[in-house]
Amino acid sequence: MSRRKARKPRRSRPVGKVMVRIETAPDVSVQVTLPDVTADDYREAQERAQAGEYAAPAVWRLISALHAAVHPDGAAPLDRSLWGTADFLKALVYLGLVDEGEWSAADDAALAELLGSGEAVDDVR
């Protein structure tokens, strides 16, 4: 009879947690875990943001999760009505939902909102 040494179970990351890396300064970043956010939640928020729906409920859920992760001591809840277009776009970059420096549908939607047309702008040139 052979004896096999029992293997220790692999340590795995908890299911339902997404980690984002936030750049705090050039070449300096911090990794933040978003509790209760799944990879599917993240993908949905990313799709909405890249489609120009930067204030979609799926995106707000990730922003709220980031806020909860950064302020675990129970800071005052975020008030969505106080958020402007620039705030949402900055949060999208922080969360990695859109790439900074590349023009996206979210930027297109934000520009249309700022211009007051309510419609996406096809060409800005």
Protein backbone atom coordinates (compact mmCIF):
# COMPACT_ATOMS: atom_id res chain seq x y z
CA MET A 1 0.00 0.00 0.00
CA SER A 2 1.40 3.38 -0.93
CA ARG A 3 1.22 6.40 1.26
CA ARG A 4 0.65 9.73 -0.34
CA LYS A 5 1.22 12.91 1.47
CA ALA A 6 -1.96 14.89 1.75
CA ARG A 7 -1.81 18.16 -0.15
CA LYS A 8 -2.83 21.39 1.41
CA PRO A 9 -5.78 22.94 -0.33
CA ARG A 10 -4.94 25.80 -2.64
CA ARG A 11 -5.56 29.25 -1.35
CA SER A 12 -7.92 30.98 -3.66
CA ARG A 13 -9.25 34.48 -3.75
CA PRO A 14 -12.75 34.83 -2.35
CA VAL A 15 -15.47 34.59 -4.96
CA GLY A 16 -17.31 37.81 -5.66
CA LYS A 17 -14.48 40.25 -5.08
CA VAL A 18 -12.95 42.41 -7.77
CA MET A 19 -9.63 44.20 -7.36
CA VAL A 20 -8.84 47.45 -9.12
CA ARG A 21 -5.50 49.21 -9.29
CA ILE A 22 -5.68 52.96 -8.79
CA GLU A 23 -2.78 55.19 -9.80
CA THR A 24 -2.14 57.67 -7.00
CA ALA A 25 0.88 59.31 -8.61
CA PRO A 26 2.99 58.67 -11.70
CA ASP A 27 4.25 55.08 -11.42
CA VAL A 28 2.62 54.67 -7.99
CA SER A 29 -0.56 52.69 -7.60
CA VAL A 30 -2.58 51.01 -4.92
CA GLN A 31 -4.71 47.90 -5.26
CA VAL A 32 -8.24 48.11 -3.82
CA THR A 33 -10.63 45.19 -3.37
CA LEU A 34 -14.27 45.92 -4.16
CA PRO A 35 -16.34 43.75 -1.83
CA ASP A 36 -19.54 42.17 -3.11
CA VAL A 37 -18.69 42.99 -6.73
CA THR A 38 -18.37 40.08 -9.13
CA ALA A 39 -16.47 39.92 -12.40
CA ASP A 40 -19.84 39.96 -14.17
CA ASP A 41 -20.79 43.18 -12.36
CA TYR A 42 -17.50 44.72 -13.42
CA ARG A 43 -17.94 43.64 -17.06
CA GLU A 44 -21.47 45.04 -17.17
CA ALA A 45 -20.30 48.37 -15.76
CA GLN A 46 -17.44 48.45 -18.25
CA GLU A 47 -19.79 47.78 -21.17
CA ARG A 48 -22.14 50.54 -20.00
CA ALA A 49 -19.29 53.02 -19.52
CA GLN A 50 -17.75 52.27 -22.90
CA ALA A 51 -21.17 52.65 -24.50
CA GLY A 52 -21.42 56.17 -23.08
CA GLU A 53 -23.75 55.35 -20.20
CA TYR A 54 -21.30 56.68 -17.63
CA ALA A 55 -23.99 57.27 -14.99
CA ALA A 56 -25.70 53.87 -15.38
CA PRO A 57 -26.79 52.02 -12.20
CA ALA A 58 -24.17 49.32 -12.86
CA VAL A 59 -21.45 51.98 -12.92
CA TRP A 60 -22.79 53.69 -9.80
CA ARG A 61 -22.71 50.34 -7.98
CA LEU A 62 -18.96 50.07 -8.63
CA ILE A 63 -18.39 53.69 -7.58
CA SER A 64 -20.27 53.00 -4.34
CA ALA A 65 -18.24 49.81 -3.79
CA LEU A 66 -15.01 51.77 -4.29
CA HIS A 67 -16.19 54.37 -1.80
CA ALA A 68 -17.03 51.63 0.73
CA ALA A 69 -13.62 50.00 0.20
CA VAL A 70 -11.71 53.24 0.66
CA HIS A 71 -13.79 54.30 3.68
CA PRO A 72 -14.39 51.06 5.61
CA ASP A 73 -15.05 53.03 8.79
CA GLY A 74 -18.42 54.12 7.42
CA ALA A 75 -17.96 57.52 5.81
CA ALA A 76 -21.07 59.40 4.77
CA PRO A 77 -22.80 57.76 1.80
CA LEU A 78 -22.30 59.26 -1.61
CA ASP A 79 -25.02 61.51 -3.00
CA ARG A 80 -25.42 60.77 -6.69
CA SER A 81 -27.22 64.06 -7.32
CA LEU A 82 -24.06 65.97 -6.39
CA TRP A 83 -21.96 64.20 -9.01
CA GLY A 84 -21.20 66.04 -12.21
CA THR A 85 -20.03 64.71 -15.54
CA ALA A 86 -16.35 65.24 -14.69
CA ASP A 87 -16.77 63.30 -11.44
CA PHE A 88 -18.22 60.30 -13.25
CA LEU A 89 -15.54 60.36 -15.95
CA LYS A 90 -12.75 60.51 -13.35
CA ALA A 91 -14.30 57.56 -11.48
CA LEU A 92 -14.51 55.58 -14.74
CA VAL A 93 -10.77 56.03 -15.22
CA TYR A 94 -10.03 55.12 -11.57
CA LEU A 95 -12.05 51.93 -11.88
CA GLY A 96 -10.41 51.01 -15.19
CA LEU A 97 -13.74 51.08 -17.01
CA VAL A 98 -12.39 53.39 -19.71
CA ASP A 99 -8.83 54.16 -20.74
CA GLU A 100 -7.50 57.58 -19.83
CA GLY A 101 -6.42 59.60 -22.81
CA GLU A 102 -8.53 57.70 -25.35
CA TRP A 103 -11.75 59.25 -26.63
CA SER A 104 -14.64 57.00 -25.70
CA ALA A 105 -18.40 56.90 -25.98
CA ALA A 106 -18.52 58.11 -22.36
CA ASP A 107 -16.57 61.22 -23.39
CA ASP A 108 -18.89 61.61 -26.37
CA ALA A 109 -21.96 61.44 -24.10
CA ALA A 110 -20.40 63.87 -21.63
CA LEU A 111 -19.59 66.36 -24.39
CA ALA A 112 -23.13 66.12 -25.73
CA GLU A 113 -24.45 66.80 -22.22
CA LEU A 114 -22.16 69.80 -21.78
CA LEU A 115 -23.22 71.21 -25.15
CA GLY A 116 -26.84 70.76 -24.15
CA SER A 117 -27.82 68.79 -27.22
CA GLY A 118 -28.54 65.52 -25.42
CA GLU A 119 -27.38 63.68 -28.54
CA ALA A 120 -24.05 62.04 -29.15
CA VAL A 121 -21.57 63.97 -31.25
CA ASP A 122 -20.34 62.02 -34.29
CA ASP A 123 -17.33 64.10 -35.21
CA VAL A 124 -15.81 66.94 -33.25
CA ARG A 125 -13.26 68.02 -35.88
